[in-house]
Amino acid sequence: MTTTSTTSTSQTPVSLYGFLTPRPGHADELRRLLMDLVEPSRGHEGSLQYHLHEQEDGRFFLYEVWRSREDLDRHNATRLLRTTLSELPEHLEGAPESYFGAMRSPYPSGAA
């Protein structure tokens, strides 16, 4: 997965977002795999936002905000995410278009 990154400190909220395009005939399975990540990921320590959107053109847009890079790294190391990532390629048309960045606008107080 190729990501575009900006510098982040350990205490800066970070976001990960991008588009995933399903192979023809694979939209339902890709949707299921991605939806199965939403609630468990929202329950992981440091998860501030975790949303899945479906675009009119059939692509999926995933948007995550984490309290810190360390929280995102812990999430990325979970068995659930590693298993899902290993299953994604067979359902994708090309590589995901993904981005990572430090949040520059203040996060609402009390939310982190």
PDB file of N, CA and C in Angstrom:
ATOM      1  N   MET A   1       0.846  -1.162   0.000  1.00  0.00           N
ATOM      2  CA  MET A   1       0.000   0.000   0.000  1.00  0.00           C
ATOM      3  C   MET A   1       0.895   1.229   0.000  1.00  0.00           C
ATOM      4  N   THR A   2       0.687   2.160  -0.915  1.00  0.00           N
ATOM      5  CA  THR A   2       1.465   3.380  -1.001  1.00  0.00           C
ATOM      6  C   THR A   2       0.752   4.462  -0.221  1.00  0.00           C
ATOM      7  N   THR A   3       1.499   5.161   0.650  1.00  0.00           N
ATOM      8  CA  THR A   3       0.896   6.240   1.412  1.00  0.00           C
ATOM      9  C   THR A   3       1.708   7.500   1.252  1.00  0.00           C
ATOM     10  N   THR A   4       1.027   8.627   1.326  1.00  0.00           N
ATOM     11  CA  THR A   4       1.673   9.923   1.354  1.00  0.00           C
ATOM     12  C   THR A   4       1.640  10.361   2.803  1.00  0.00           C
ATOM     13  N   SER A   5       2.770  10.849   3.328  1.00  0.00           N
ATOM     14  CA  SER A   5       2.884  11.095   4.760  1.00  0.00           C
ATOM     15  C   SER A   5       3.368  12.506   5.054  1.00  0.00           C
ATOM     16  N   THR A   6       2.964  13.025   6.214  1.00  0.00           N
ATOM     17  CA  THR A   6       3.536  14.247   6.763  1.00  0.00           C
ATOM     18  C   THR A   6       4.028  13.925   8.151  1.00  0.00           C
ATOM     19  N   THR A   7       4.924  14.731   8.664  1.00  0.00           N
ATOM     20  CA  THR A   7       5.539  14.481   9.966  1.00  0.00           C
ATOM     21  C   THR A   7       4.511  14.549  11.084  1.00  0.00           C
ATOM     22  N   SER A   8       4.662  13.658  12.051  1.00  0.00           N
ATOM     23  CA  SER A   8       3.758  13.584  13.194  1.00  0.00           C
ATOM     24  C   SER A   8       4.574  13.364  14.453  1.00  0.00           C
ATOM     25  N   THR A   9       4.144  13.962  15.557  1.00  0.00           N
ATOM     26  CA  THR A   9       4.758  13.660  16.839  1.00  0.00           C
ATOM     27  C   THR A   9       3.915  12.605  17.520  1.00  0.00           C
ATOM     28  N   SER A  10       4.447  12.001  18.576  1.00  0.00           N
ATOM     29  CA  SER A  10       3.725  10.911  19.222  1.00  0.00           C
ATOM     30  C   SER A  10       2.408  11.367  19.845  1.00  0.00           C
ATOM     31  N   GLN A  11       2.266  12.643  20.179  1.00  0.00           N
ATOM     32  CA  GLN A  11       1.047  13.112  20.818  1.00  0.00           C
ATOM     33  C   GLN A  11       0.114  13.847  19.867  1.00  0.00           C
ATOM     34  N   THR A  12       0.425  13.880  18.593  1.00  0.00           N
ATOM     35  CA  THR A  12      -0.405  14.540  17.606  1.00  0.00           C
ATOM     36  C   THR A  12      -1.395  13.544  17.013  1.00  0.00           C
ATOM     37  N   PRO A  13      -2.687  13.893  16.982  1.00  0.00           N
ATOM     38  CA  PRO A  13      -3.613  12.990  16.303  1.00  0.00           C
ATOM     39  C   PRO A  13      -3.177  12.786  14.855  1.00  0.00           C
ATOM     40  N   VAL A  14      -3.370  11.570  14.372  1.00  0.00           N
ATOM     41  CA  VAL A  14      -3.004  11.239  12.998  1.00  0.00           C
ATOM     42  C   VAL A  14      -4.213  10.660  12.282  1.00  0.00           C
ATOM     43  N   SER A  15      -4.212  10.838  10.980  1.00  0.00           N
ATOM     44  CA  SER A  15      -5.308  10.296  10.193  1.00  0.00           C
ATOM     45  C   SER A  15      -4.761   9.425   9.077  1.00  0.00           C
ATOM     46  N   LEU A  16      -5.542   8.446   8.731  1.00  0.00           N
ATOM     47  CA  LEU A  16      -5.256   7.541   7.628  1.00  0.00           C
ATOM     48  C   LEU A  16      -6.532   7.495   6.808  1.00  0.00           C
ATOM     49  N   TYR A  17      -6.406   7.735   5.518  1.00  0.00           N
ATOM     50  CA  TYR A  17      -7.593   7.788   4.686  1.00  0.00           C
ATOM     51  C   TYR A  17      -7.246   7.407   3.258  1.00  0.00           C
ATOM     52  N   GLY A  18      -8.239   6.915   2.543  1.00  0.00           N
ATOM     53  CA  GLY A  18      -7.979   6.554   1.164  1.00  0.00           C
ATOM     54  C   GLY A  18      -9.136   5.849   0.504  1.00  0.00           C
ATOM     55  N   PHE A  19      -8.922   5.558  -0.771  1.00  0.00           N
ATOM     56  CA  PHE A  19      -9.924   4.920  -1.607  1.00  0.00           C
ATOM     57  C   PHE A  19      -9.511   3.496  -1.944  1.00  0.00           C
ATOM     58  N   LEU A  20     -10.492   2.605  -1.962  1.00  0.00           N
ATOM     59  CA  LEU A  20     -10.285   1.224  -2.374  1.00  0.00           C
ATOM     60  C   LEU A  20     -11.292   0.928  -3.476  1.00  0.00           C
ATOM     61  N   THR A  21     -10.806   0.434  -4.596  1.00  0.00           N
ATOM     62  CA  THR A  21     -11.659   0.143  -5.737  1.00  0.00           C
ATOM     63  C   THR A  21     -11.847  -1.364  -5.862  1.00  0.00           C
ATOM     64  N   PRO A  22     -13.099  -1.829  -5.801  1.00  0.00           N
ATOM     65  CA  PRO A  22     -13.323  -3.276  -5.907  1.00  0.00           C
ATOM     66  C   PRO A  22     -13.139  -3.778  -7.336  1.00  0.00           C
ATOM     67  N   ARG A  23     -12.675  -5.016  -7.444  1.00  0.00           N
ATOM     68  CA  ARG A  23     -12.661  -5.683  -8.745  1.00  0.00           C
ATOM     69  C   ARG A  23     -14.115  -5.889  -9.175  1.00  0.00           C
ATOM     70  N   PRO A  24     -14.350  -5.961 -10.473  1.00  0.00           N
ATOM     71  CA  PRO A  24     -15.724  -6.255 -10.913  1.00  0.00           C
ATOM     72  C   PRO A  24     -16.232  -7.541 -10.255  1.00  0.00           C
ATOM     73  N   GLY A  25     -17.436  -7.465  -9.703  1.00  0.00           N
ATOM     74  CA  GLY A  25     -18.048  -8.617  -9.055  1.00  0.00           C
ATOM     75  C   GLY A  25     -17.604  -8.848  -7.619  1.00  0.00           C
ATOM     76  N   HIS A  26     -16.739  -7.985  -7.075  1.00  0.00           N
ATOM     77  CA  HIS A  26     -16.219  -8.180  -5.725  1.00  0.00           C
ATOM     78  C   HIS A  26     -16.688  -7.108  -4.734  1.00  0.00           C
ATOM     79  N   ALA A  27     -17.558  -6.212  -5.135  1.00  0.00           N
ATOM     80  CA  ALA A  27     -17.974  -5.110  -4.255  1.00  0.00           C
ATOM     81  C   ALA A  27     -18.621  -5.611  -2.965  1.00  0.00           C
ATOM     82  N   ASP A  28     -19.475  -6.607  -3.060  1.00  0.00           N
ATOM     83  CA  ASP A  28     -20.169  -7.096  -1.858  1.00  0.00           C
ATOM     84  C   ASP A  28     -19.182  -7.681  -0.852  1.00  0.00           C
ATOM     85  N   GLU A  29     -18.226  -8.466  -1.334  1.00  0.00           N
ATOM     86  CA  GLU A  29     -17.255  -9.075  -0.417  1.00  0.00           C
ATOM     87  C   GLU A  29     -16.318  -8.019   0.156  1.00  0.00           C
ATOM     88  N   LEU A  30     -15.903  -7.057  -0.649  1.00  0.00           N
ATOM     89  CA  LEU A  30     -15.048  -5.985  -0.142  1.00  0.00           C
ATOM     90  C   LEU A  30     -15.794  -5.160   0.901  1.00  0.00           C
ATOM     91  N   ARG A  31     -17.051  -4.847   0.632  1.00  0.00           N
ATOM     92  CA  ARG A  31     -17.874  -4.108   1.594  1.00  0.00           C
ATOM     93  C   ARG A  31     -17.953  -4.870   2.914  1.00  0.00           C
ATOM     94  N   ARG A  32     -18.181  -6.173   2.846  1.00  0.00           N
ATOM     95  CA  ARG A  32     -18.276  -6.987   4.066  1.00  0.00           C
ATOM     96  C   ARG A  32     -16.967  -6.961   4.840  1.00  0.00           C
ATOM     97  N   LEU A  33     -15.848  -7.153   4.149  1.00  0.00           N
ATOM     98  CA  LEU A  33     -14.545  -7.137   4.831  1.00  0.00           C
ATOM     99  C   LEU A  33     -14.305  -5.805   5.526  1.00  0.00           C
ATOM    100  N   LEU A  34     -14.594  -4.715   4.829  1.00  0.00           N
ATOM    101  CA  LEU A  34     -14.350  -3.393   5.403  1.00  0.00           C
ATOM    102  C   LEU A  34     -15.317  -3.073   6.534  1.00  0.00           C
ATOM    103  N   MET A  35     -16.589  -3.452   6.383  1.00  0.00           N
ATOM    104  CA  MET A  35     -17.564  -3.214   7.449  1.00  0.00           C
ATOM    105  C   MET A  35     -17.222  -4.019   8.699  1.00  0.00           C
ATOM    106  N   ASP A  36     -16.647  -5.210   8.517  1.00  0.00           N
ATOM    107  CA  ASP A  36     -16.269  -6.033   9.664  1.00  0.00           C
ATOM    108  C   ASP A  36     -15.133  -5.408  10.473  1.00  0.00           C
ATOM    109  N   LEU A  37     -14.464  -4.401   9.925  1.00  0.00           N
ATOM    110  CA  LEU A  37     -13.404  -3.696  10.662  1.00  0.00           C
ATOM    111  C   LEU A  37     -13.931  -2.536  11.491  1.00  0.00           C
ATOM    112  N   VAL A  38     -15.064  -1.975  11.111  1.00  0.00           N
ATOM    113  CA  VAL A  38     -15.512  -0.702  11.690  1.00  0.00           C
ATOM    114  C   VAL A  38     -15.692  -0.766  13.209  1.00  0.00           C
ATOM    115  N   GLU A  39     -16.603  -1.561  13.696  1.00  0.00           N
ATOM    116  CA  GLU A  39     -16.890  -1.557  15.142  1.00  0.00           C
ATOM    117  C   GLU A  39     -15.699  -2.027  15.977  1.00  0.00           C
ATOM    118  N   PRO A  40     -15.021  -3.115  15.598  1.00  0.00           N
ATOM    119  CA  PRO A  40     -13.846  -3.498  16.398  1.00  0.00           C
ATOM    120  C   PRO A  40     -12.783  -2.401  16.429  1.00  0.00           C
ATOM    121  N   SER A  41     -12.554  -1.744  15.295  1.00  0.00           N
ATOM    122  CA  SER A  41     -11.535  -0.690  15.244  1.00  0.00           C
ATOM    123  C   SER A  41     -11.929   0.500  16.095  1.00  0.00           C
ATOM    124  N   ARG A  42     -13.201   0.834  16.112  1.00  0.00           N
ATOM    125  CA  ARG A  42     -13.671   1.942  16.949  1.00  0.00           C
ATOM    126  C   ARG A  42     -13.438   1.646  18.434  1.00  0.00           C
ATOM    127  N   GLY A  43     -13.386   0.372  18.784  1.00  0.00           N
ATOM    128  CA  GLY A  43     -13.156  -0.015  20.169  1.00  0.00           C
ATOM    129  C   GLY A  43     -11.691  -0.067  20.570  1.00  0.00           C
ATOM    130  N   HIS A  44     -10.781   0.072  19.616  1.00  0.00           N
ATOM    131  CA  HIS A  44      -9.350   0.029  19.950  1.00  0.00           C
ATOM    132  C   HIS A  44      -8.916   1.318  20.634  1.00  0.00           C
ATOM    133  N   GLU A  45      -8.033   1.177  21.597  1.00  0.00           N
ATOM    134  CA  GLU A  45      -7.523   2.325  22.332  1.00  0.00           C
ATOM    135  C   GLU A  45      -6.966   3.366  21.378  1.00  0.00           C
ATOM    136  N   GLY A  46      -7.398   4.603  21.552  1.00  0.00           N
ATOM    137  CA  GLY A  46      -6.889   5.705  20.748  1.00  0.00           C
ATOM    138  C   GLY A  46      -7.666   5.983  19.486  1.00  0.00           C
ATOM    139  N   SER A  47      -8.688   5.186  19.180  1.00  0.00           N
ATOM    140  CA  SER A  47      -9.496   5.440  17.989  1.00  0.00           C
ATOM    141  C   SER A  47     -10.420   6.624  18.253  1.00  0.00           C
ATOM    142  N   LEU A  48     -10.267   7.677  17.451  1.00  0.00           N
ATOM    143  CA  LEU A  48     -11.121   8.859  17.594  1.00  0.00           C
ATOM    144  C   LEU A  48     -12.226   8.882  16.542  1.00  0.00           C
ATOM    145  N   GLN A  49     -11.935   8.402  15.355  1.00  0.00           N
ATOM    146  CA  GLN A  49     -12.900   8.324  14.261  1.00  0.00           C
ATOM    147  C   GLN A  49     -12.558   7.099  13.420  1.00  0.00           C
ATOM    148  N   TYR A  50     -13.555   6.415  12.932  1.00  0.00           N
ATOM    149  CA  TYR A  50     -13.339   5.298  12.017  1.00  0.00           C
ATOM    150  C   TYR A  50     -14.602   5.176  11.180  1.00  0.00           C
ATOM    151  N   HIS A  51     -14.505   5.569   9.912  1.00  0.00           N
ATOM    152  CA  HIS A  51     -15.689   5.613   9.055  1.00  0.00           C
ATOM    153  C   HIS A  51     -15.420   4.972   7.705  1.00  0.00           C
ATOM    154  N   LEU A  52     -16.428   4.307   7.188  1.00  0.00           N
ATOM    155  CA  LEU A  52     -16.387   3.736   5.850  1.00  0.00           C
ATOM    156  C   LEU A  52     -17.499   4.383   5.038  1.00  0.00           C
ATOM    157  N   HIS A  53     -17.140   4.887   3.870  1.00  0.00           N
ATOM    158  CA  HIS A  53     -18.093   5.507   2.950  1.00  0.00           C
ATOM    159  C   HIS A  53     -18.076   4.725   1.646  1.00  0.00           C
ATOM    160  N   GLU A  54     -19.207   4.699   0.958  1.00  0.00           N
ATOM    161  CA  GLU A  54     -19.257   4.096  -0.372  1.00  0.00           C
ATOM    162  C   GLU A  54     -19.601   5.201  -1.360  1.00  0.00           C
ATOM    163  N   GLN A  55     -18.737   5.386  -2.333  1.00  0.00           N
ATOM    164  CA  GLN A  55     -18.882   6.443  -3.329  1.00  0.00           C
ATOM    165  C   GLN A  55     -19.875   6.017  -4.414  1.00  0.00           C
ATOM    166  N   GLU A  56     -20.439   6.991  -5.106  1.00  0.00           N
ATOM    167  CA  GLU A  56     -21.363   6.705  -6.204  1.00  0.00           C
ATOM    168  C   GLU A  56     -20.696   5.907  -7.315  1.00  0.00           C
ATOM    169  N   ASP A  57     -19.378   6.079  -7.477  1.00  0.00           N
ATOM    170  CA  ASP A  57     -18.667   5.360  -8.542  1.00  0.00           C
ATOM    171  C   ASP A  57     -18.257   3.944  -8.130  1.00  0.00           C
ATOM    172  N   GLY A  58     -18.660   3.522  -6.916  1.00  0.00           N
ATOM    173  CA  GLY A  58     -18.390   2.160  -6.465  1.00  0.00           C
ATOM    174  C   GLY A  58     -17.149   2.001  -5.610  1.00  0.00           C
ATOM    175  N   ARG A  59     -16.327   3.050  -5.512  1.00  0.00           N
ATOM    176  CA  ARG A  59     -15.149   2.968  -4.650  1.00  0.00           C
ATOM    177  C   ARG A  59     -15.569   3.117  -3.196  1.00  0.00           C
ATOM    178  N   PHE A  60     -14.726   2.589  -2.311  1.00  0.00           N
ATOM    179  CA  PHE A  60     -14.924   2.748  -0.876  1.00  0.00           C
ATOM    180  C   PHE A  60     -13.909   3.754  -0.365  1.00  0.00           C
ATOM    181  N   PHE A  61     -14.338   4.614   0.553  1.00  0.00           N
ATOM    182  CA  PHE A  61     -13.474   5.610   1.168  1.00  0.00           C
ATOM    183  C   PHE A  61     -13.417   5.289   2.658  1.00  0.00           C
ATOM    184  N   LEU A  62     -12.220   5.055   3.158  1.00  0.00           N
ATOM    185  CA  LEU A  62     -12.021   4.743   4.566  1.00  0.00           C
ATOM    186  C   LEU A  62     -11.329   5.933   5.217  1.00  0.00           C
ATOM    187  N   TYR A  63     -11.847   6.380   6.367  1.00  0.00           N
ATOM    188  CA  TYR A  63     -11.306   7.539   7.066  1.00  0.00           C
ATOM    189  C   TYR A  63     -11.133   7.179   8.541  1.00  0.00           C
ATOM    190  N   GLU A  64      -9.893   7.286   9.029  1.00  0.00           N
ATOM    191  CA  GLU A  64      -9.573   6.958  10.415  1.00  0.00           C
ATOM    192  C   GLU A  64      -8.825   8.126  11.053  1.00  0.00           C
ATOM    193  N   VAL A  65      -9.103   8.401  12.316  1.00  0.00           N
ATOM    194  CA  VAL A  65      -8.322   9.355  13.100  1.00  0.00           C
ATOM    195  C   VAL A  65      -7.953   8.661  14.400  1.00  0.00           C
ATOM    196  N   TRP A  66      -6.660   8.733  14.732  1.00  0.00           N
ATOM    197  CA  TRP A  66      -6.122   8.091  15.927  1.00  0.00           C
ATOM    198  C   TRP A  66      -5.481   9.136  16.821  1.00  0.00           C
ATOM    199  N   ARG A  67      -5.561   8.939  18.109  1.00  0.00           N
ATOM    200  CA  ARG A  67      -5.002   9.857  19.102  1.00  0.00           C
ATOM    201  C   ARG A  67      -3.512  10.077  18.892  1.00  0.00           C
ATOM    202  N   SER A  68      -2.804   9.028  18.467  1.00  0.00           N
ATOM    203  CA  SER A  68      -1.356   9.126  18.265  1.00  0.00           C
ATOM    204  C   SER A  68      -0.907   8.080  17.249  1.00  0.00           C
ATOM    205  N   ARG A  69       0.299   8.245  16.767  1.00  0.00           N
ATOM    206  CA  ARG A  69       0.884   7.258  15.860  1.00  0.00           C
ATOM    207  C   ARG A  69       1.021   5.910  16.563  1.00  0.00           C
ATOM    208  N   GLU A  70       1.336   5.927  17.840  1.00  0.00           N
ATOM    209  CA  GLU A  70       1.472   4.682  18.606  1.00  0.00           C
ATOM    210  C   GLU A  70       0.152   3.922  18.650  1.00  0.00           C
ATOM    211  N   ASP A  71      -0.962   4.646  18.822  1.00  0.00           N
ATOM    212  CA  ASP A  71      -2.272   3.986  18.824  1.00  0.00           C
ATOM    213  C   ASP A  71      -2.564   3.368  17.455  1.00  0.00           C
ATOM    214  N   LEU A  72      -2.245   4.087  16.392  1.00  0.00           N
ATOM    215  CA  LEU A  72      -2.435   3.546  15.043  1.00  0.00           C
ATOM    216  C   LEU A  72      -1.557   2.318  14.830  1.00  0.00           C
ATOM    217  N   ASP A  73      -0.315   2.380  15.281  1.00  0.00           N
ATOM    218  CA  ASP A  73       0.587   1.231  15.135  1.00  0.00           C
ATOM    219  C   ASP A  73       0.053   0.005  15.872  1.00  0.00           C
ATOM    220  N   ARG A  74      -0.505   0.202  17.079  1.00  0.00           N
ATOM    221  CA  ARG A  74      -1.102  -0.923  17.827  1.00  0.00           C
ATOM    222  C   ARG A  74      -2.283  -1.503  17.060  1.00  0.00           C
ATOM    223  N   HIS A  75      -3.112  -0.631  16.513  1.00  0.00           N
ATOM    224  CA  HIS A  75      -4.253  -1.078  15.708  1.00  0.00           C
ATOM    225  C   HIS A  75      -3.762  -1.880  14.499  1.00  0.00           C
ATOM    226  N   ASN A  76      -2.743  -1.372  13.831  1.00  0.00           N
ATOM    227  CA  ASN A  76      -2.218  -2.048  12.634  1.00  0.00           C
ATOM    228  C   ASN A  76      -1.630  -3.417  12.948  1.00  0.00           C
ATOM    229  N   ALA A  77      -1.235  -3.647  14.191  1.00  0.00           N
ATOM    230  CA  ALA A  77      -0.639  -4.927  14.587  1.00  0.00           C
ATOM    231  C   ALA A  77      -1.668  -5.963  15.025  1.00  0.00           C
ATOM    232  N   THR A  78      -2.956  -5.583  15.080  1.00  0.00           N
ATOM    233  CA  THR A  78      -3.967  -6.537  15.539  1.00  0.00           C
ATOM    234  C   THR A  78      -4.166  -7.658  14.526  1.00  0.00           C
ATOM    235  N   ARG A  79      -4.519  -8.803  15.036  1.00  0.00           N
ATOM    236  CA  ARG A  79      -4.774  -9.973  14.180  1.00  0.00           C
ATOM    237  C   ARG A  79      -5.898  -9.677  13.185  1.00  0.00           C
ATOM    238  N   LEU A  80      -6.953  -9.023  13.645  1.00  0.00           N
ATOM    239  CA  LEU A  80      -8.085  -8.715  12.772  1.00  0.00           C
ATOM    240  C   LEU A  80      -7.629  -7.905  11.565  1.00  0.00           C
ATOM    241  N   LEU A  81      -6.864  -6.854  11.796  1.00  0.00           N
ATOM    242  CA  LEU A  81      -6.437  -6.021  10.677  1.00  0.00           C
ATOM    243  C   LEU A  81      -5.468  -6.767   9.764  1.00  0.00           C
ATOM    244  N   ARG A  82      -4.521  -7.487  10.340  1.00  0.00           N
ATOM    245  CA  ARG A  82      -3.559  -8.238   9.512  1.00  0.00           C
ATOM    246  C   ARG A  82      -4.269  -9.283   8.655  1.00  0.00           C
ATOM    247  N   THR A  83      -5.256  -9.968   9.228  1.00  0.00           N
ATOM    248  CA  THR A  83      -6.013 -10.964   8.468  1.00  0.00           C
ATOM    249  C   THR A  83      -6.786 -10.302   7.336  1.00  0.00           C
ATOM    250  N   THR A  84      -7.457  -9.200   7.640  1.00  0.00           N
ATOM    251  CA  THR A  84      -8.225  -8.495   6.608  1.00  0.00           C
ATOM    252  C   THR A  84      -7.309  -7.990   5.504  1.00  0.00           C
ATOM    253  N   LEU A  85      -6.170  -7.412   5.868  1.00  0.00           N
ATOM    254  CA  LEU A  85      -5.236  -6.911   4.855  1.00  0.00           C
ATOM    255  C   LEU A  85      -4.733  -8.023   3.946  1.00  0.00           C
ATOM    256  N   SER A  86      -4.591  -9.231   4.490  1.00  0.00           N
ATOM    257  CA  SER A  86      -4.137 -10.348   3.659  1.00  0.00           C
ATOM    258  C   SER A  86      -5.223 -10.800   2.678  1.00  0.00           C
ATOM    259  N   GLU A  87      -6.504 -10.549   3.004  1.00  0.00           N
ATOM    260  CA  GLU A  87      -7.616 -10.948   2.147  1.00  0.00           C
ATOM    261  C   GLU A  87      -7.994  -9.881   1.115  1.00  0.00           C
ATOM    262  N   LEU A  88      -7.614  -8.636   1.349  1.00  0.00           N
ATOM    263  CA  LEU A  88      -8.045  -7.546   0.477  1.00  0.00           C
ATOM    264  C   LEU A  88      -7.589  -7.660  -0.972  1.00  0.00           C
ATOM    265  N   PRO A  89      -6.328  -8.000  -1.251  1.00  0.00           N
ATOM    266  CA  PRO A  89      -5.860  -7.940  -2.646  1.00  0.00           C
ATOM    267  C   PRO A  89      -6.720  -8.695  -3.656  1.00  0.00           C
ATOM    268  N   GLU A  90      -7.277  -9.828  -3.272  1.00  0.00           N
ATOM    269  CA  GLU A  90      -8.085 -10.587  -4.237  1.00  0.00           C
ATOM    270  C   GLU A  90      -9.379  -9.870  -4.608  1.00  0.00           C
ATOM    271  N   HIS A  91      -9.769  -8.851  -3.822  1.00  0.00           N
ATOM    272  CA  HIS A  91     -11.011  -8.128  -4.070  1.00  0.00           C
ATOM    273  C   HIS A  91     -10.788  -6.721  -4.613  1.00  0.00           C
ATOM    274  N   LEU A  92      -9.531  -6.309  -4.765  1.00  0.00           N
ATOM    275  CA  LEU A  92      -9.213  -4.941  -5.189  1.00  0.00           C
ATOM    276  C   LEU A  92      -8.775  -4.869  -6.639  1.00  0.00           C
ATOM    277  N   GLU A  93      -9.166  -3.791  -7.272  1.00  0.00           N
ATOM    278  CA  GLU A  93      -8.709  -3.443  -8.607  1.00  0.00           C
ATOM    279  C   GLU A  93      -7.552  -2.466  -8.401  1.00  0.00           C
ATOM    280  N   GLY A  94      -6.352  -2.984  -8.398  1.00  0.00           N
ATOM    281  CA  GLY A  94      -5.179  -2.146  -8.164  1.00  0.00           C
ATOM    282  C   GLY A  94      -4.930  -1.919  -6.684  1.00  0.00           C
ATOM    283  N   ALA A  95      -3.885  -1.175  -6.408  1.00  0.00           N
ATOM    284  CA  ALA A  95      -3.509  -0.875  -5.020  1.00  0.00           C
ATOM    285  C   ALA A  95      -4.427   0.200  -4.447  1.00  0.00           C
ATOM    286  N   PRO A  96      -4.670   0.162  -3.136  1.00  0.00           N
ATOM    287  CA  PRO A  96      -5.448   1.244  -2.515  1.00  0.00           C
ATOM    288  C   PRO A  96      -4.718   2.577  -2.683  1.00  0.00           C
ATOM    289  N   GLU A  97      -5.482   3.628  -2.835  1.00  0.00           N
ATOM    290  CA  GLU A  97      -4.937   4.986  -2.839  1.00  0.00           C
ATOM    291  C   GLU A  97      -5.050   5.471  -1.400  1.00  0.00           C
ATOM    292  N   SER A  98      -3.928   5.541  -0.686  1.00  0.00           N
ATOM    293  CA  SER A  98      -4.016   5.853   0.742  1.00  0.00           C
ATOM    294  C   SER A  98      -3.064   6.969   1.132  1.00  0.00           C
ATOM    295  N   TYR A  99      -3.445   7.667   2.199  1.00  0.00           N
ATOM    296  CA  TYR A  99      -2.708   8.825   2.694  1.00  0.00           C
ATOM    297  C   TYR A  99      -2.654   8.771   4.212  1.00  0.00           C
ATOM    298  N   PHE A 100      -1.575   9.288   4.755  1.00  0.00           N
ATOM    299  CA  PHE A 100      -1.370   9.355   6.200  1.00  0.00           C
ATOM    300  C   PHE A 100      -0.907  10.770   6.514  1.00  0.00           C
ATOM    301  N   GLY A 101      -1.420  11.342   7.586  1.00  0.00           N
ATOM    302  CA  GLY A 101      -0.968  12.679   7.919  1.00  0.00           C
ATOM    303  C   GLY A 101      -1.234  13.051   9.356  1.00  0.00           C
ATOM    304  N   ALA A 102      -0.437  14.007   9.831  1.00  0.00           N
ATOM    305  CA  ALA A 102      -0.650  14.586  11.154  1.00  0.00           C
ATOM    306  C   ALA A 102      -1.790  15.584  11.055  1.00  0.00           C
ATOM    307  N   MET A 103      -2.665  15.566  12.026  1.00  0.00           N
ATOM    308  CA  MET A 103      -3.807  16.467  12.031  1.00  0.00           C
ATOM    309  C   MET A 103      -3.337  17.862  12.450  1.00  0.00           C
ATOM    310  N   ARG A 104      -3.606  18.862  11.659  1.00  0.00           N
ATOM    311  CA  ARG A 104      -3.189  20.230  11.966  1.00  0.00           C
ATOM    312  C   ARG A 104      -4.294  21.083  12.556  1.00  0.00           C
ATOM    313  N   SER A 105      -5.531  20.796  12.238  1.00  0.00           N
ATOM    314  CA  SER A 105      -6.622  21.520  12.875  1.00  0.00           C
ATOM    315  C   SER A 105      -6.823  20.914  14.257  1.00  0.00           C
ATOM    316  N   PRO A 106      -7.111  21.718  15.260  1.00  0.00           N
ATOM    317  CA  PRO A 106      -7.253  21.173  16.606  1.00  0.00           C
ATOM    318  C   PRO A 106      -8.405  20.172  16.682  1.00  0.00           C
ATOM    319  N   TYR A 107      -8.172  19.104  17.406  1.00  0.00           N
ATOM    320  CA  TYR A 107      -9.252  18.146  17.644  1.00  0.00           C
ATOM    321  C   TYR A 107     -10.093  18.700  18.782  1.00  0.00           C
ATOM    322  N   PRO A 108     -11.421  18.560  18.740  1.00  0.00           N
ATOM    323  CA  PRO A 108     -12.270  19.111  19.807  1.00  0.00           C
ATOM    324  C   PRO A 108     -11.793  18.665  21.200  1.00  0.00           C
ATOM    325  N   SER A 109     -11.694  19.602  22.119  1.00  0.00           N
ATOM    326  CA  SER A 109     -11.232  19.265  23.464  1.00  0.00           C
ATOM    327  C   SER A 109     -12.160  18.239  24.091  1.00  0.00           C
ATOM    328  N   GLY A 110     -11.564  17.336  24.837  1.00  0.00           N
ATOM    329  CA  GLY A 110     -12.321  16.283  25.489  1.00  0.00           C
ATOM    330  C   GLY A 110     -12.531  15.061  24.623  1.00  0.00           C
ATOM    331  N   ALA A 111     -12.287  15.175  23.321  1.00  0.00           N
ATOM    332  CA  ALA A 111     -12.490  14.045  22.431  1.00  0.00           C
ATOM    333  C   ALA A 111     -11.307  13.098  22.458  1.00  0.00           C
ATOM    334  N   ALA A 112     -10.122  13.610  22.676  1.00  0.00           N
ATOM    335  CA  ALA A 112      -8.923  12.757  22.701  1.00  0.00           C
ATOM    336  C   ALA A 112      -8.725  12.298  24.099  1.00  0.00           C
TER     337      ALA A 112
END
